mmCIF file of all heavy atoms, coordinates in Angstrom:
data_MODEL
# 
_entry.id   MODEL 
# 
loop_
_atom_site.group_PDB 
_atom_site.id 
_atom_site.type_symbol 
_atom_site.label_atom_id 
_atom_site.label_alt_id 
_atom_site.label_comp_id 
_atom_site.label_asym_id 
_atom_site.label_entity_id 
_atom_site.label_seq_id 
_atom_site.pdbx_PDB_ins_code 
_atom_site.Cartn_x 
_atom_site.Cartn_y 
_atom_site.Cartn_z 
_atom_site.occupancy 
_atom_site.B_iso_or_equiv 
_atom_site.pdbx_formal_charge 
_atom_site.auth_seq_id 
_atom_site.auth_comp_id 
_atom_site.auth_asym_id 
_atom_site.auth_atom_id 
_atom_site.pdbx_PDB_model_num 
ATOM 1   N N   . ALA A 1 1  ? 19.055 104.343 -55.685 1.00 0.00 ? 1  ALA A N   1 
ATOM 2   C CA  . ALA A 1 1  ? 20.451 104.262 -55.535 1.00 0.00 ? 1  ALA A CA  1 
ATOM 3   C C   . ALA A 1 1  ? 21.005 105.029 -54.355 1.00 0.00 ? 1  ALA A C   1 
ATOM 4   O O   . ALA A 1 1  ? 21.880 104.579 -53.715 1.00 0.00 ? 1  ALA A O   1 
ATOM 5   C CB  . ALA A 1 1  ? 21.046 104.903 -56.919 1.00 0.00 ? 1  ALA A CB  1 
ATOM 6   N N   . LEU A 1 2  ? 20.434 106.243 -54.126 1.00 0.00 ? 2  LEU A N   1 
ATOM 7   C CA  . LEU A 1 2  ? 20.852 107.017 -53.068 1.00 0.00 ? 2  LEU A CA  1 
ATOM 8   C C   . LEU A 1 2  ? 20.487 106.351 -51.691 1.00 0.00 ? 2  LEU A C   1 
ATOM 9   O O   . LEU A 1 2  ? 21.288 106.453 -50.772 1.00 0.00 ? 2  LEU A O   1 
ATOM 10  C CB  . LEU A 1 2  ? 20.262 108.490 -53.152 1.00 0.00 ? 2  LEU A CB  1 
ATOM 11  C CG  . LEU A 1 2  ? 20.862 109.357 -54.006 1.00 0.00 ? 2  LEU A CG  1 
ATOM 12  C CD1 . LEU A 1 2  ? 19.916 110.531 -54.451 1.00 0.00 ? 2  LEU A CD1 1 
ATOM 13  C CD2 . LEU A 1 2  ? 22.238 109.908 -53.603 1.00 0.00 ? 2  LEU A CD2 1 
ATOM 14  N N   . GLN A 1 3  ? 19.432 105.660 -51.708 1.00 0.00 ? 3  GLN A N   1 
ATOM 15  C CA  . GLN A 1 3  ? 19.012 104.906 -50.421 1.00 0.00 ? 3  GLN A CA  1 
ATOM 16  C C   . GLN A 1 3  ? 20.182 103.863 -50.141 1.00 0.00 ? 3  GLN A C   1 
ATOM 17  O O   . GLN A 1 3  ? 20.491 103.685 -48.915 1.00 0.00 ? 3  GLN A O   1 
ATOM 18  C CB  . GLN A 1 3  ? 17.650 104.333 -50.538 1.00 0.00 ? 3  GLN A CB  1 
ATOM 19  C CG  . GLN A 1 3  ? 17.214 103.630 -49.371 1.00 0.00 ? 3  GLN A CG  1 
ATOM 20  C CD  . GLN A 1 3  ? 16.994 104.636 -48.197 1.00 0.00 ? 3  GLN A CD  1 
ATOM 21  O OE1 . GLN A 1 3  ? 16.623 105.622 -48.410 1.00 0.00 ? 3  GLN A OE1 1 
ATOM 22  N NE2 . GLN A 1 3  ? 17.382 104.106 -46.934 1.00 0.00 ? 3  GLN A NE2 1 
ATOM 23  N N   . ARG A 1 4  ? 20.675 103.282 -51.127 1.00 0.00 ? 4  ARG A N   1 
ATOM 24  C CA  . ARG A 1 4  ? 21.724 102.200 -50.908 1.00 0.00 ? 4  ARG A CA  1 
ATOM 25  C C   . ARG A 1 4  ? 22.939 102.757 -50.336 1.00 0.00 ? 4  ARG A C   1 
ATOM 26  O O   . ARG A 1 4  ? 23.802 102.095 -49.586 1.00 0.00 ? 4  ARG A O   1 
ATOM 27  C CB  . ARG A 1 4  ? 21.992 101.461 -52.125 1.00 0.00 ? 4  ARG A CB  1 
ATOM 28  C CG  . ARG A 1 4  ? 20.844 100.575 -52.646 1.00 0.00 ? 4  ARG A CG  1 
ATOM 29  C CD  . ARG A 1 4  ? 21.225 99.517  -53.659 1.00 0.00 ? 4  ARG A CD  1 
ATOM 30  N NE  . ARG A 1 4  ? 21.565 100.134 -54.948 1.00 0.00 ? 4  ARG A NE  1 
ATOM 31  C CZ  . ARG A 1 4  ? 20.721 100.548 -55.884 1.00 0.00 ? 4  ARG A CZ  1 
ATOM 32  N NH1 . ARG A 1 4  ? 19.320 100.338 -55.695 1.00 0.00 ? 4  ARG A NH1 1 
ATOM 33  N NH2 . ARG A 1 4  ? 21.097 101.154 -57.032 1.00 0.00 ? 4  ARG A NH2 1 
ATOM 34  N N   . CYS A 1 5  ? 23.271 103.929 -50.609 1.00 0.00 ? 5  CYS A N   1 
ATOM 35  C CA  . CYS A 1 5  ? 24.624 104.538 -50.172 1.00 0.00 ? 5  CYS A CA  1 
ATOM 36  C C   . CYS A 1 5  ? 24.387 105.595 -49.146 1.00 0.00 ? 5  CYS A C   1 
ATOM 37  O O   . CYS A 1 5  ? 25.228 106.304 -48.630 1.00 0.00 ? 5  CYS A O   1 
ATOM 38  C CB  . CYS A 1 5  ? 25.417 105.081 -51.358 1.00 0.00 ? 5  CYS A CB  1 
ATOM 39  S SG  . CYS A 1 5  ? 24.747 106.569 -52.052 1.00 0.00 ? 5  CYS A SG  1 
ATOM 40  N N   . SER A 1 6  ? 23.151 105.857 -48.646 1.00 0.00 ? 6  SER A N   1 
ATOM 41  C CA  . SER A 1 6  ? 22.867 106.829 -47.568 1.00 0.00 ? 6  SER A CA  1 
ATOM 42  C C   . SER A 1 6  ? 23.603 106.612 -46.442 1.00 0.00 ? 6  SER A C   1 
ATOM 43  O O   . SER A 1 6  ? 24.097 107.549 -45.684 1.00 0.00 ? 6  SER A O   1 
ATOM 44  C CB  . SER A 1 6  ? 21.333 106.993 -47.300 1.00 0.00 ? 6  SER A CB  1 
ATOM 45  O OG  . SER A 1 6  ? 21.020 105.837 -46.725 1.00 0.00 ? 6  SER A OG  1 
ATOM 46  N N   . GLY A 1 7  ? 23.870 105.421 -46.002 1.00 0.00 ? 7  GLY A N   1 
ATOM 47  C CA  . GLY A 1 7  ? 24.511 105.146 -44.732 1.00 0.00 ? 7  GLY A CA  1 
ATOM 48  C C   . GLY A 1 7  ? 26.035 105.627 -44.854 1.00 0.00 ? 7  GLY A C   1 
ATOM 49  O O   . GLY A 1 7  ? 26.743 106.089 -43.934 1.00 0.00 ? 7  GLY A O   1 
ATOM 50  N N   . ALA A 1 8  ? 26.629 105.490 -46.101 1.00 0.00 ? 8  ALA A N   1 
ATOM 51  C CA  . ALA A 1 8  ? 27.993 105.998 -46.312 1.00 0.00 ? 8  ALA A CA  1 
ATOM 52  C C   . ALA A 1 8  ? 28.064 107.435 -46.201 1.00 0.00 ? 8  ALA A C   1 
ATOM 53  O O   . ALA A 1 8  ? 29.056 107.965 -45.621 1.00 0.00 ? 8  ALA A O   1 
ATOM 54  C CB  . ALA A 1 8  ? 28.446 105.538 -47.769 1.00 0.00 ? 8  ALA A CB  1 
ATOM 55  N N   . GLN A 1 9  ? 27.129 108.118 -46.720 1.00 0.00 ? 9  GLN A N   1 
ATOM 56  C CA  . GLN A 1 9  ? 27.086 109.625 -46.521 1.00 0.00 ? 9  GLN A CA  1 
ATOM 57  C C   . GLN A 1 9  ? 27.145 109.994 -45.059 1.00 0.00 ? 9  GLN A C   1 
ATOM 58  O O   . GLN A 1 9  ? 27.822 110.825 -44.648 1.00 0.00 ? 9  GLN A O   1 
ATOM 59  C CB  . GLN A 1 9  ? 25.927 110.241 -47.281 1.00 0.00 ? 9  GLN A CB  1 
ATOM 60  C CG  . GLN A 1 9  ? 26.051 110.159 -48.801 1.00 0.00 ? 9  GLN A CG  1 
ATOM 61  C CD  . GLN A 1 9  ? 24.895 110.962 -49.378 1.00 0.00 ? 9  GLN A CD  1 
ATOM 62  O OE1 . GLN A 1 9  ? 24.430 112.084 -48.845 1.00 0.00 ? 9  GLN A OE1 1 
ATOM 63  N NE2 . GLN A 1 9  ? 24.376 110.465 -50.438 1.00 0.00 ? 9  GLN A NE2 1 
ATOM 64  N N   . SER A 1 10 ? 26.296 109.316 -44.245 1.00 0.00 ? 10 SER A N   1 
ATOM 65  C CA  . SER A 1 10 ? 26.174 109.720 -42.906 1.00 0.00 ? 10 SER A CA  1 
ATOM 66  C C   . SER A 1 10 ? 27.482 109.483 -42.149 1.00 0.00 ? 10 SER A C   1 
ATOM 67  O O   . SER A 1 10 ? 27.841 110.117 -41.301 1.00 0.00 ? 10 SER A O   1 
ATOM 68  C CB  . SER A 1 10 ? 24.926 108.971 -42.206 1.00 0.00 ? 10 SER A CB  1 
ATOM 69  O OG  . SER A 1 10 ? 25.248 107.638 -42.293 1.00 0.00 ? 10 SER A OG  1 
ATOM 70  N N   . ARG A 1 11 ? 28.166 108.315 -42.588 1.00 0.00 ? 11 ARG A N   1 
ATOM 71  C CA  . ARG A 1 11 ? 29.446 107.958 -41.888 1.00 0.00 ? 11 ARG A CA  1 
ATOM 72  C C   . ARG A 1 11 ? 30.433 109.051 -42.204 1.00 0.00 ? 11 ARG A C   1 
ATOM 73  O O   . ARG A 1 11 ? 31.416 109.258 -41.391 1.00 0.00 ? 11 ARG A O   1 
ATOM 74  C CB  . ARG A 1 11 ? 29.917 106.586 -42.301 1.00 0.00 ? 11 ARG A CB  1 
ATOM 75  C CG  . ARG A 1 11 ? 29.043 105.401 -41.769 1.00 0.00 ? 11 ARG A CG  1 
ATOM 76  C CD  . ARG A 1 11 ? 29.799 104.129 -41.913 1.00 0.00 ? 11 ARG A CD  1 
ATOM 77  N NE  . ARG A 1 11 ? 29.901 103.776 -43.263 1.00 0.00 ? 11 ARG A NE  1 
ATOM 78  C CZ  . ARG A 1 11 ? 29.002 103.066 -44.132 1.00 0.00 ? 11 ARG A CZ  1 
ATOM 79  N NH1 . ARG A 1 11 ? 27.890 102.687 -43.490 1.00 0.00 ? 11 ARG A NH1 1 
ATOM 80  N NH2 . ARG A 1 11 ? 29.162 102.757 -45.361 1.00 0.00 ? 11 ARG A NH2 1 
ATOM 81  N N   . ASN A 1 12 ? 30.419 109.613 -43.319 1.00 0.00 ? 12 ASN A N   1 
ATOM 82  C CA  . ASN A 1 12 ? 31.442 110.708 -43.602 1.00 0.00 ? 12 ASN A CA  1 
ATOM 83  C C   . ASN A 1 12 ? 31.163 111.973 -42.842 1.00 0.00 ? 12 ASN A C   1 
ATOM 84  O O   . ASN A 1 12 ? 32.090 112.742 -42.646 1.00 0.00 ? 12 ASN A O   1 
ATOM 85  C CB  . ASN A 1 12 ? 31.287 111.096 -45.158 1.00 0.00 ? 12 ASN A CB  1 
ATOM 86  C CG  . ASN A 1 12 ? 32.323 112.072 -45.624 1.00 0.00 ? 12 ASN A CG  1 
ATOM 87  O OD1 . ASN A 1 12 ? 33.524 111.764 -45.498 1.00 0.00 ? 12 ASN A OD1 1 
ATOM 88  N ND2 . ASN A 1 12 ? 31.910 113.163 -45.999 1.00 0.00 ? 12 ASN A ND2 1 
ATOM 89  N N   . GLU A 1 13 ? 30.000 112.256 -42.307 1.00 0.00 ? 13 GLU A N   1 
ATOM 90  C CA  . GLU A 1 13 ? 29.783 113.497 -41.574 1.00 0.00 ? 13 GLU A CA  1 
ATOM 91  C C   . GLU A 1 13 ? 30.659 113.463 -40.247 1.00 0.00 ? 13 GLU A C   1 
ATOM 92  O O   . GLU A 1 13 ? 30.788 112.549 -39.629 1.00 0.00 ? 13 GLU A O   1 
ATOM 93  C CB  . GLU A 1 13 ? 28.235 113.454 -41.243 1.00 0.00 ? 13 GLU A CB  1 
ATOM 94  C CG  . GLU A 1 13 ? 27.306 113.713 -42.369 1.00 0.00 ? 13 GLU A CG  1 
ATOM 95  C CD  . GLU A 1 13 ? 27.636 114.925 -43.063 1.00 0.00 ? 13 GLU A CD  1 
ATOM 96  O OE1 . GLU A 1 13 ? 27.951 116.009 -42.630 1.00 0.00 ? 13 GLU A OE1 1 
ATOM 97  O OE2 . GLU A 1 13 ? 27.557 114.867 -44.364 1.00 0.00 ? 13 GLU A OE2 1 
ATOM 98  N N   . GLY A 1 14 ? 31.252 114.597 -40.181 1.00 0.00 ? 14 GLY A N   1 
ATOM 99  C CA  . GLY A 1 14 ? 32.084 114.841 -38.905 1.00 0.00 ? 14 GLY A CA  1 
ATOM 100 C C   . GLY A 1 14 ? 33.499 114.353 -39.100 1.00 0.00 ? 14 GLY A C   1 
ATOM 101 O O   . GLY A 1 14 ? 34.311 114.422 -38.185 1.00 0.00 ? 14 GLY A O   1 
ATOM 102 N N   . ALA A 1 15 ? 33.865 113.777 -40.289 1.00 0.00 ? 15 ALA A N   1 
ATOM 103 C CA  . ALA A 1 15 ? 35.318 113.306 -40.432 1.00 0.00 ? 15 ALA A CA  1 
ATOM 104 C C   . ALA A 1 15 ? 36.188 114.508 -40.477 1.00 0.00 ? 15 ALA A C   1 
ATOM 105 O O   . ALA A 1 15 ? 35.823 115.642 -40.894 1.00 0.00 ? 15 ALA A O   1 
ATOM 106 C CB  . ALA A 1 15 ? 35.385 112.587 -41.825 1.00 0.00 ? 15 ALA A CB  1 
ATOM 107 N N   . SER A 1 16 ? 37.346 114.380 -39.863 1.00 0.00 ? 16 SER A N   1 
ATOM 108 C CA  . SER A 1 16 ? 38.321 115.456 -39.864 1.00 0.00 ? 16 SER A CA  1 
ATOM 109 C C   . SER A 1 16 ? 39.127 115.454 -41.183 1.00 0.00 ? 16 SER A C   1 
ATOM 110 O O   . SER A 1 16 ? 39.305 114.486 -41.903 1.00 0.00 ? 16 SER A O   1 
ATOM 111 C CB  . SER A 1 16 ? 39.305 115.377 -38.708 1.00 0.00 ? 16 SER A CB  1 
ATOM 112 O OG  . SER A 1 16 ? 40.156 114.242 -38.847 1.00 0.00 ? 16 SER A OG  1 
ATOM 113 N N   . PRO A 1 17 ? 39.692 116.579 -41.511 1.00 0.00 ? 17 PRO A N   1 
ATOM 114 C CA  . PRO A 1 17 ? 40.594 116.672 -42.719 1.00 0.00 ? 17 PRO A CA  1 
ATOM 115 C C   . PRO A 1 17 ? 41.674 115.602 -42.815 1.00 0.00 ? 17 PRO A C   1 
ATOM 116 O O   . PRO A 1 17 ? 42.024 115.121 -43.824 1.00 0.00 ? 17 PRO A O   1 
ATOM 117 C CB  . PRO A 1 17 ? 40.980 118.141 -42.777 1.00 0.00 ? 17 PRO A CB  1 
ATOM 118 C CG  . PRO A 1 17 ? 40.143 118.893 -42.028 1.00 0.00 ? 17 PRO A CG  1 
ATOM 119 C CD  . PRO A 1 17 ? 39.630 117.848 -40.911 1.00 0.00 ? 17 PRO A CD  1 
ATOM 120 N N   . LEU A 1 18 ? 42.116 115.280 -41.583 1.00 0.00 ? 18 LEU A N   1 
ATOM 121 C CA  . LEU A 1 18 ? 43.188 114.217 -41.542 1.00 0.00 ? 18 LEU A CA  1 
ATOM 122 C C   . LEU A 1 18 ? 42.739 112.929 -41.978 1.00 0.00 ? 18 LEU A C   1 
ATOM 123 O O   . LEU A 1 18 ? 43.541 111.996 -42.398 1.00 0.00 ? 18 LEU A O   1 
ATOM 124 C CB  . LEU A 1 18 ? 43.830 114.113 -40.155 1.00 0.00 ? 18 LEU A CB  1 
ATOM 125 C CG  . LEU A 1 18 ? 44.550 115.371 -39.664 1.00 0.00 ? 18 LEU A CG  1 
ATOM 126 C CD1 . LEU A 1 18 ? 45.053 115.175 -38.240 1.00 0.00 ? 18 LEU A CD1 1 
ATOM 127 C CD2 . LEU A 1 18 ? 45.748 115.736 -40.463 1.00 0.00 ? 18 LEU A CD2 1 
ATOM 128 N N   . ASP A 1 19 ? 41.454 112.675 -42.066 1.00 0.00 ? 19 ASP A N   1 
ATOM 129 C CA  . ASP A 1 19 ? 40.892 111.331 -42.432 1.00 0.00 ? 19 ASP A CA  1 
ATOM 130 C C   . ASP A 1 19 ? 40.950 111.191 -44.020 1.00 0.00 ? 19 ASP A C   1 
ATOM 131 O O   . ASP A 1 19 ? 40.559 110.137 -44.366 1.00 0.00 ? 19 ASP A O   1 
ATOM 132 C CB  . ASP A 1 19 ? 39.485 111.131 -41.914 1.00 0.00 ? 19 ASP A CB  1 
ATOM 133 C CG  . ASP A 1 19 ? 39.435 111.082 -40.346 1.00 0.00 ? 19 ASP A CG  1 
ATOM 134 O OD1 . ASP A 1 19 ? 40.439 110.565 -39.730 1.00 0.00 ? 19 ASP A OD1 1 
ATOM 135 O OD2 . ASP A 1 19 ? 38.400 111.512 -39.793 1.00 0.00 ? 19 ASP A OD2 1 
ATOM 136 N N   . ALA A 1 20 ? 41.183 112.246 -44.765 1.00 0.00 ? 20 ALA A N   1 
ATOM 137 C CA  . ALA A 1 20 ? 40.897 112.249 -46.150 1.00 0.00 ? 20 ALA A CA  1 
ATOM 138 C C   . ALA A 1 20 ? 41.940 111.374 -46.941 1.00 0.00 ? 20 ALA A C   1 
ATOM 139 O O   . ALA A 1 20 ? 41.768 110.800 -47.970 1.00 0.00 ? 20 ALA A O   1 
ATOM 140 C CB  . ALA A 1 20 ? 40.800 113.604 -46.769 1.00 0.00 ? 20 ALA A CB  1 
ATOM 141 N N   . GLY A 1 21 ? 43.138 111.309 -46.416 1.00 0.00 ? 21 GLY A N   1 
ATOM 142 C CA  . GLY A 1 21 ? 44.269 110.632 -46.988 1.00 0.00 ? 21 GLY A CA  1 
ATOM 143 C C   . GLY A 1 21 ? 44.328 109.185 -46.826 1.00 0.00 ? 21 GLY A C   1 
ATOM 144 O O   . GLY A 1 21 ? 43.358 108.609 -46.507 1.00 0.00 ? 21 GLY A O   1 
ATOM 145 N N   . GLU A 1 22 ? 45.478 108.488 -47.160 1.00 0.00 ? 22 GLU A N   1 
ATOM 146 C CA  . GLU A 1 22 ? 45.531 107.087 -47.211 1.00 0.00 ? 22 GLU A CA  1 
ATOM 147 C C   . GLU A 1 22 ? 45.936 106.570 -45.826 1.00 0.00 ? 22 GLU A C   1 
ATOM 148 O O   . GLU A 1 22 ? 46.746 107.192 -45.094 1.00 0.00 ? 22 GLU A O   1 
ATOM 149 C CB  . GLU A 1 22 ? 46.409 106.609 -48.339 1.00 0.00 ? 22 GLU A CB  1 
ATOM 150 C CG  . GLU A 1 22 ? 48.001 107.019 -48.095 1.00 0.00 ? 22 GLU A CG  1 
ATOM 151 C CD  . GLU A 1 22 ? 48.855 106.497 -49.322 1.00 0.00 ? 22 GLU A CD  1 
ATOM 152 O OE1 . GLU A 1 22 ? 48.331 105.862 -50.286 1.00 0.00 ? 22 GLU A OE1 1 
ATOM 153 O OE2 . GLU A 1 22 ? 49.986 106.857 -49.254 1.00 0.00 ? 22 GLU A OE2 1 
ATOM 154 N N   . THR A 1 23 ? 45.578 105.341 -45.515 1.00 0.00 ? 23 THR A N   1 
ATOM 155 C CA  . THR A 1 23 ? 45.888 104.572 -44.296 1.00 0.00 ? 23 THR A CA  1 
ATOM 156 C C   . THR A 1 23 ? 47.218 103.780 -44.567 1.00 0.00 ? 23 THR A C   1 
ATOM 157 O O   . THR A 1 23 ? 47.484 103.515 -45.846 1.00 0.00 ? 23 THR A O   1 
ATOM 158 C CB  . THR A 1 23 ? 44.699 103.705 -43.863 1.00 0.00 ? 23 THR A CB  1 
ATOM 159 O OG1 . THR A 1 23 ? 44.566 102.745 -44.865 1.00 0.00 ? 23 THR A OG1 1 
ATOM 160 C CG2 . THR A 1 23 ? 43.362 104.476 -43.678 1.00 0.00 ? 23 THR A CG2 1 
ATOM 161 N N   . SER A 1 24 ? 47.667 103.155 -43.594 1.00 0.00 ? 24 SER A N   1 
ATOM 162 C CA  . SER A 1 24 ? 48.900 102.326 -43.823 1.00 0.00 ? 24 SER A CA  1 
ATOM 163 C C   . SER A 1 24 ? 48.581 101.140 -44.639 1.00 0.00 ? 24 SER A C   1 
ATOM 164 O O   . SER A 1 24 ? 49.344 100.622 -45.501 1.00 0.00 ? 24 SER A O   1 
ATOM 165 C CB  . SER A 1 24 ? 49.498 101.995 -42.487 1.00 0.00 ? 24 SER A CB  1 
ATOM 166 O OG  . SER A 1 24 ? 48.630 101.290 -41.797 1.00 0.00 ? 24 SER A OG  1 
ATOM 167 N N   . ASN A 1 25 ? 47.322 100.502 -44.401 1.00 0.00 ? 25 ASN A N   1 
ATOM 168 C CA  . ASN A 1 25 ? 47.040 99.309  -45.190 1.00 0.00 ? 25 ASN A CA  1 
ATOM 169 C C   . ASN A 1 25 ? 46.783 99.671  -46.708 1.00 0.00 ? 25 ASN A C   1 
ATOM 170 O O   . ASN A 1 25 ? 47.127 98.941  -47.589 1.00 0.00 ? 25 ASN A O   1 
ATOM 171 C CB  . ASN A 1 25 ? 45.680 98.749  -44.679 1.00 0.00 ? 25 ASN A CB  1 
ATOM 172 C CG  . ASN A 1 25 ? 45.840 98.075  -43.383 1.00 0.00 ? 25 ASN A CG  1 
ATOM 173 O OD1 . ASN A 1 25 ? 46.963 97.638  -43.018 1.00 0.00 ? 25 ASN A OD1 1 
ATOM 174 N ND2 . ASN A 1 25 ? 44.866 97.763  -42.573 1.00 0.00 ? 25 ASN A ND2 1 
ATOM 175 N N   . GLU A 1 26 ? 46.212 100.892 -46.990 1.00 0.00 ? 26 GLU A N   1 
ATOM 176 C CA  . GLU A 1 26 ? 46.006 101.284 -48.323 1.00 0.00 ? 26 GLU A CA  1 
ATOM 177 C C   . GLU A 1 26 ? 47.459 101.570 -49.005 1.00 0.00 ? 26 GLU A C   1 
ATOM 178 O O   . GLU A 1 26 ? 47.564 101.292 -50.184 1.00 0.00 ? 26 GLU A O   1 
ATOM 179 C CB  . GLU A 1 26 ? 45.157 102.635 -48.359 1.00 0.00 ? 26 GLU A CB  1 
ATOM 180 C CG  . GLU A 1 26 ? 43.658 102.381 -48.016 1.00 0.00 ? 26 GLU A CG  1 
ATOM 181 C CD  . GLU A 1 26 ? 42.902 103.516 -47.557 1.00 0.00 ? 26 GLU A CD  1 
ATOM 182 O OE1 . GLU A 1 26 ? 43.577 104.550 -47.451 1.00 0.00 ? 26 GLU A OE1 1 
ATOM 183 O OE2 . GLU A 1 26 ? 41.599 103.343 -47.325 1.00 0.00 ? 26 GLU A OE2 1 
# 
């Protein structure tokens, strides 16, 4: 299971706090 979502974890690395909220599309 972790292998299937490991790419998502790596994509989260380095995100700034401003990225945590909602986008205009959301």
